[in-house]
Amino acid sequence: MSDTSPTDLMGEAFEAQRGRLLAVAHRMLGSHADAEDVVQEAWLRLSRQNTATIDNLAGWLTTVVGRISLDVLRSRRARPEASYDHRLPEVVVLLDDGSAPEDDAVLADSVGLALLVVLDSLGPSERLAFVLHDMFAVPFDEIGKILGRSTAAAKMLASRARRKVRATERPSGVERKQHEVVQAFLAAARRGDFQELLRVLDPEVKLTVETPAGVVVTLGATRVVAGAQLAAGAATLGRAALVHGLPGVISWREDGTPLSVLAFNVVDGRITDITAVVDPAKIALMDLPTPA
């Protein structure tokens, strides 16, 4: 007679599913910390459930994780300022040695996280439908149950999300061109070349700077050019990098402590967004490479 209790058996069955559940939650939420919380909550719910009523444990757990993740996404939409800190530890920063990013297999994780940036642009229901079906092959009828919608509606949500994702896909060689645009911007910032800066900036460019005092947002090419000294300093003291799969720059102080992390989004040959983190507390949450 086995000494294994039903609770032990349930725990073993859950642990066998944990890796897949974490992958689902991470794709849904873009945060390992949030994914861990969601999977832990799923375990708590399972421990309170009469497992005799569960015909398909994997399906039941996927449904629970999907619903909890959906609640988290909807909460983020209601309070967008609450989600930024959770995502900071997930920022992947890799030094760019000058090779073509699209040809370097080492950058696979960064490119994968770039997809998470795209997924952030989707609505919660679209994101759930796309992630569960296209990435984890969950049937649309199960997705519909999670969303409280029909199978046809779930298909429509996934299709709409798929179109949005494909619209952001970049053909081969675009990464190198983006890198060249960023380098042109940084060189112009060092020289103080106002006209060249305006040439490479989108007229409606957005600069977001995370400072110790909070977030500072600057809109418009003319105003961003006035603050280009930040980028110029980073270019002088730092090294080219890939931040979330986007071209960027990391800079360090002389003692080797990180000073700033910049990321640039380039569309049609012009910079549309610049994100700069200069808050030491938030930089400390990032897993940065060490300076050469």
Protein backbone atom coordinates (compact mmCIF):
# COMPACT_ATOMS: atom_id res chain seq x y z
CA MET A 1 0.00 0.00 0.00
CA SER A 2 1.38 3.39 -1.03
CA ASP A 3 2.25 5.96 1.64
CA THR A 4 1.67 8.81 -0.83
CA SER A 5 -1.24 10.99 0.28
CA PRO A 6 -3.76 12.58 -2.13
CA THR A 7 -2.24 15.96 -1.33
CA ASP A 8 1.22 14.70 -2.31
CA LEU A 9 -0.16 13.28 -5.55
CA MET A 10 -1.90 16.57 -6.32
CA GLY A 11 1.33 18.44 -5.62
CA GLU A 12 3.29 16.17 -7.95
CA ALA A 13 0.72 16.60 -10.68
CA PHE A 14 0.83 20.37 -10.26
CA GLU A 15 4.65 20.49 -10.33
CA ALA A 16 4.56 18.57 -13.61
CA GLN A 17 2.49 21.46 -15.05
CA ARG A 18 4.37 24.32 -13.39
CA GLY A 19 6.83 25.04 -16.21
CA ARG A 20 4.09 25.30 -18.82
CA LEU A 21 1.90 27.42 -16.54
CA LEU A 22 4.77 29.82 -15.87
CA ALA A 23 5.37 30.13 -19.60
CA VAL A 24 1.69 30.92 -20.22
CA ALA A 25 1.56 33.50 -17.43
CA HIS A 26 4.83 35.13 -18.49
CA ARG A 27 3.67 35.53 -22.09
CA MET A 28 0.44 36.98 -20.80
CA LEU A 29 2.00 39.39 -18.31
CA GLY A 30 5.59 40.00 -19.43
CA SER A 31 6.89 39.66 -15.88
CA HIS A 32 8.48 36.66 -14.21
CA ALA A 33 7.49 37.99 -10.78
CA ASP A 34 3.84 38.39 -11.80
CA ALA A 35 3.89 34.98 -13.49
CA GLU A 36 5.15 33.35 -10.30
CA ASP A 37 2.38 35.06 -8.32
CA VAL A 38 -0.27 33.86 -10.77
CA VAL A 39 0.96 30.25 -10.71
CA GLN A 40 1.10 30.31 -6.90
CA GLU A 41 -2.50 31.54 -6.80
CA ALA A 42 -3.46 28.73 -9.18
CA TRP A 43 -1.90 26.23 -6.76
CA LEU A 44 -3.85 27.71 -3.85
CA ARG A 45 -7.08 27.39 -5.80
CA LEU A 46 -6.25 23.82 -6.75
CA SER A 47 -5.51 22.93 -3.12
CA ARG A 48 -9.01 24.13 -2.18
CA GLN A 49 -10.67 22.29 -5.06
CA ASN A 50 -12.23 18.84 -4.94
CA THR A 51 -9.93 17.25 -7.51
CA ALA A 52 -12.49 14.50 -8.15
CA THR A 53 -14.45 17.14 -10.09
CA ILE A 54 -11.50 17.88 -12.42
CA ASP A 55 -11.49 15.72 -15.56
CA ASN A 56 -8.51 17.42 -17.23
CA LEU A 57 -6.01 18.90 -14.77
CA ALA A 58 -3.87 20.58 -17.45
CA GLY A 59 -6.93 22.21 -19.00
CA TRP A 60 -8.31 23.26 -15.60
CA LEU A 61 -5.01 24.86 -14.57
CA THR A 62 -4.64 26.64 -17.91
CA THR A 63 -8.12 28.08 -17.49
CA VAL A 64 -7.36 29.27 -13.95
CA VAL A 65 -4.02 30.81 -14.95
CA GLY A 66 -5.66 32.44 -17.95
CA ARG A 67 -8.44 33.99 -15.86
CA ILE A 68 -6.08 35.26 -13.16
CA SER A 69 -3.74 36.71 -15.80
CA LEU A 70 -6.70 38.38 -17.50
CA ASP A 71 -7.66 40.02 -14.21
CA VAL A 72 -4.09 41.30 -13.79
CA LEU A 73 -4.05 42.72 -17.32
CA ARG A 74 -7.37 44.46 -16.80
CA SER A 75 -6.14 45.88 -13.52
CA ARG A 76 -3.07 47.26 -15.31
CA ARG A 77 -5.30 48.96 -17.87
CA ALA A 78 -7.25 50.57 -15.05
CA ARG A 79 -4.05 51.61 -13.21
CA PRO A 80 -1.28 51.78 -15.86
CA GLU A 81 1.17 53.42 -13.47
CA ALA A 82 1.09 50.30 -11.29
CA SER A 83 2.60 47.99 -13.89
CA TYR A 84 5.87 49.76 -14.78
CA ASP A 85 7.89 48.72 -11.76
CA HIS A 86 6.88 45.09 -12.23
CA ARG A 87 8.24 45.05 -15.75
CA LEU A 88 11.57 46.72 -15.04
CA PRO A 89 13.32 43.52 -13.86
CA GLU A 90 12.29 41.91 -17.17
CA VAL A 91 14.21 44.42 -19.29
CA VAL A 92 16.92 42.45 -21.08
CA VAL A 93 19.98 44.49 -22.01
CA LEU A 94 22.72 43.01 -24.18
CA LEU A 95 25.86 44.72 -25.46
CA ASP A 96 25.85 45.20 -29.22
CA ASP A 97 29.24 44.23 -30.64
CA GLY A 98 28.42 45.68 -34.04
CA SER A 99 27.30 42.44 -35.70
CA ALA A 100 23.97 42.34 -37.44
CA PRO A 101 21.41 41.63 -34.68
CA GLU A 102 19.25 39.51 -36.97
CA ASP A 103 22.19 37.14 -37.60
CA ASP A 104 23.23 36.70 -33.96
CA ALA A 105 21.57 33.77 -32.19
CA VAL A 106 22.70 35.15 -28.82
CA LEU A 107 20.04 37.84 -29.14
CA ALA A 108 17.16 35.36 -29.27
CA ASP A 109 15.97 36.19 -25.75
CA SER A 110 16.04 39.91 -26.47
CA VAL A 111 14.05 39.45 -29.66
CA GLY A 112 11.59 37.31 -27.69
CA LEU A 113 11.10 40.12 -25.20
CA ALA A 114 10.61 42.54 -28.05
CA LEU A 115 7.47 40.51 -28.79
CA LEU A 116 6.30 41.23 -25.25
CA VAL A 117 6.51 44.92 -26.09
CA VAL A 118 4.22 44.26 -29.05
CA LEU A 119 1.87 42.20 -26.91
CA ASP A 120 1.57 45.13 -24.51
CA SER A 121 -0.20 47.04 -27.28
CA LEU A 122 -3.01 44.46 -27.39
CA GLY A 123 -6.14 44.61 -25.31
CA PRO A 124 -6.35 42.03 -22.47
CA SER A 125 -8.84 39.79 -24.30
CA GLU A 126 -6.88 39.99 -27.56
CA ARG A 127 -3.66 39.16 -25.78
CA LEU A 128 -5.15 36.16 -24.00
CA ALA A 129 -6.71 34.79 -27.18
CA PHE A 130 -3.51 35.23 -29.19
CA VAL A 131 -1.14 33.88 -26.53
CA LEU A 132 -3.21 30.84 -25.60
CA HIS A 133 -4.09 29.83 -29.15
CA ASP A 134 -1.08 30.82 -31.25
CA MET A 135 1.63 30.10 -28.65
CA PHE A 136 0.14 27.27 -26.60
CA ALA A 137 -2.43 25.70 -28.97
CA VAL A 138 -5.36 26.05 -26.56
CA PRO A 139 -8.64 25.40 -28.47
CA PHE A 140 -10.87 28.39 -29.12
CA ASP A 141 -13.81 26.86 -27.27
CA GLU A 142 -11.71 26.77 -24.07
CA ILE A 143 -10.48 30.31 -24.68
CA GLY A 144 -14.07 31.43 -25.14
CA LYS A 145 -14.99 29.96 -21.75
CA ILE A 146 -12.13 31.84 -20.06
CA LEU A 147 -13.26 35.09 -21.67
CA GLY A 148 -16.96 34.44 -21.17
CA ARG A 149 -17.50 34.71 -24.93
CA SER A 150 -18.43 32.45 -27.81
CA THR A 151 -15.92 30.33 -29.72
CA ALA A 152 -16.43 32.56 -32.76
CA ALA A 153 -15.71 35.68 -30.72
CA ALA A 154 -12.50 34.10 -29.36
CA LYS A 155 -11.40 33.33 -32.93
CA MET A 156 -12.08 36.91 -33.95
CA LEU A 157 -10.05 38.29 -31.04
CA ALA A 158 -7.08 36.07 -31.88
CA SER A 159 -7.30 37.00 -35.57
CA ARG A 160 -7.37 40.71 -34.76
CA ALA A 161 -4.39 40.32 -32.41
CA ARG A 162 -2.51 38.33 -35.05
CA ARG A 163 -2.96 41.12 -37.59
CA LYS A 164 -1.60 43.68 -35.11
CA VAL A 165 1.43 41.51 -34.31
CA ARG A 166 2.18 40.91 -38.00
CA ALA A 167 1.91 44.63 -38.69
CA THR A 168 4.86 45.18 -36.35
CA GLU A 169 7.05 42.43 -37.81
CA ARG A 170 10.19 43.79 -39.41
CA PRO A 171 11.81 42.39 -42.57
CA SER A 172 15.42 41.26 -42.52
CA GLY A 173 17.92 44.10 -42.34
CA VAL A 174 15.65 46.55 -40.56
CA GLU A 175 17.51 46.10 -37.26
CA ARG A 176 20.76 47.24 -38.86
CA LYS A 177 19.06 50.29 -40.38
CA GLN A 178 17.56 51.15 -37.00
CA HIS A 179 21.01 50.92 -35.43
CA GLU A 180 22.36 53.32 -38.07
CA VAL A 181 19.61 55.86 -37.37
CA VAL A 182 20.35 55.75 -33.63
CA GLN A 183 24.08 56.15 -34.25
CA ALA A 184 23.36 59.15 -36.50
CA PHE A 185 21.27 60.70 -33.71
CA LEU A 186 23.95 60.15 -31.08
CA ALA A 187 26.68 61.53 -33.34
CA ALA A 188 24.58 64.63 -34.10
CA ALA A 189 23.91 65.08 -30.36
CA ARG A 190 27.64 65.02 -29.63
CA ARG A 191 28.30 67.61 -32.36
CA GLY A 192 25.31 69.74 -31.40
CA ASP A 193 24.01 69.44 -34.97
CA PHE A 194 20.45 70.75 -34.58
CA GLN A 195 19.37 70.15 -38.18
CA GLU A 196 20.66 66.57 -38.25
CA LEU A 197 18.86 65.81 -35.00
CA LEU A 198 15.60 67.09 -36.45
CA ARG A 199 16.19 64.98 -39.57
CA VAL A 200 16.39 61.69 -37.67
CA LEU A 201 13.62 62.48 -35.17
CA ASP A 202 9.95 61.99 -35.93
CA PRO A 203 8.17 65.37 -35.54
CA GLU A 204 6.00 63.83 -32.79
CA VAL A 205 8.81 61.92 -31.05
CA LYS A 206 8.24 61.09 -27.39
CA LEU A 207 11.05 61.17 -24.81
CA THR A 208 10.30 59.41 -21.52
CA VAL A 209 12.86 59.77 -18.73
CA GLU A 210 12.63 57.78 -15.49
CA THR A 211 14.29 59.98 -12.84
CA PRO A 212 14.51 59.57 -9.05
CA ALA A 213 11.79 62.24 -8.80
CA GLY A 214 9.45 60.45 -11.21
CA VAL A 215 8.67 60.21 -14.90
CA VAL A 216 9.35 63.19 -17.17
CA VAL A 217 7.78 63.10 -20.64
CA THR A 218 8.79 65.42 -23.47
CA LEU A 219 6.83 65.53 -26.74
CA GLY A 220 7.90 66.88 -30.11
CA ALA A 221 11.19 66.93 -31.99
CA THR A 222 12.13 70.52 -31.17
CA ARG A 223 11.73 70.04 -27.42
CA VAL A 224 13.47 66.64 -27.48
CA VAL A 225 16.45 68.15 -29.34
CA ALA A 226 16.82 70.66 -26.51
CA GLY A 227 17.31 67.73 -24.13
CA ALA A 228 19.61 65.75 -26.41
CA GLN A 229 22.57 66.32 -24.05
CA LEU A 230 21.36 63.26 -22.11
CA ALA A 231 21.85 61.09 -25.16
CA ALA A 232 25.12 62.81 -26.03
CA GLY A 233 26.54 62.05 -22.58
CA ALA A 234 25.44 58.44 -22.86
CA ALA A 235 27.05 58.13 -26.26
CA THR A 236 30.34 59.52 -24.96
CA LEU A 237 30.51 57.39 -21.82
CA GLY A 238 28.60 54.30 -22.89
CA ARG A 239 28.33 51.44 -25.32
CA ALA A 240 25.76 50.40 -27.89
CA ALA A 241 23.28 47.85 -26.59
CA LEU A 242 20.01 46.14 -27.31
CA VAL A 243 17.31 46.98 -24.79
CA HIS A 244 14.19 44.83 -25.05
CA GLY A 245 15.39 44.02 -28.56
CA LEU A 246 15.55 47.72 -29.47
CA PRO A 247 18.74 49.67 -30.25
CA GLY A 248 20.01 51.48 -27.19
CA VAL A 249 22.94 52.71 -25.12
CA ILE A 250 24.20 51.82 -21.65
CA SER A 251 26.48 54.26 -19.87
CA TRP A 252 28.56 53.81 -16.72
CA ARG A 253 30.32 56.10 -14.28
CA GLU A 254 34.10 55.95 -13.98
CA ASP A 255 33.78 53.62 -10.99
CA GLY A 256 31.81 51.13 -13.12
CA THR A 257 28.36 51.78 -11.66
CA PRO A 258 25.56 52.15 -14.24
CA LEU A 259 24.54 55.73 -15.04
CA SER A 260 21.75 55.40 -17.60
CA VAL A 261 19.98 53.05 -20.00
CA LEU A 262 18.46 54.39 -23.21
CA ALA A 263 16.27 52.61 -25.75
CA PHE A 264 15.15 53.94 -29.14
CA ASN A 265 12.21 52.93 -31.28
CA VAL A 266 12.74 53.64 -34.99
CA VAL A 267 9.95 53.62 -37.58
CA ASP A 268 10.49 54.37 -41.27
CA GLY A 269 13.95 55.76 -40.69
CA ARG A 270 13.03 58.13 -37.86
CA ILE A 271 13.12 57.84 -34.08
CA THR A 272 9.58 57.85 -32.69
CA ASP A 273 10.28 57.04 -29.02
CA ILE A 274 13.23 57.40 -26.67
CA THR A 275 13.09 55.84 -23.23
CA ALA A 276 15.78 56.77 -20.72
CA VAL A 277 16.18 55.34 -17.23
CA VAL A 278 18.45 57.42 -14.99
CA ASP A 279 16.94 56.49 -11.62
CA PRO A 280 19.63 54.44 -9.80
CA ALA A 281 16.99 52.46 -7.88
CA LYS A 282 15.31 51.33 -11.08
CA ILE A 283 18.57 50.69 -12.90
CA ALA A 284 19.56 48.44 -9.98
CA LEU A 285 16.57 46.22 -10.79
CA MET A 286 17.95 45.53 -14.26
CA ASP A 287 20.34 42.71 -15.02
CA LEU A 288 22.94 44.83 -16.84
CA PRO A 289 26.16 43.56 -18.38
CA THR A 290 29.39 44.90 -16.91
CA PRO A 291 31.40 47.55 -18.81
CA ALA A 292 34.35 46.36 -20.85
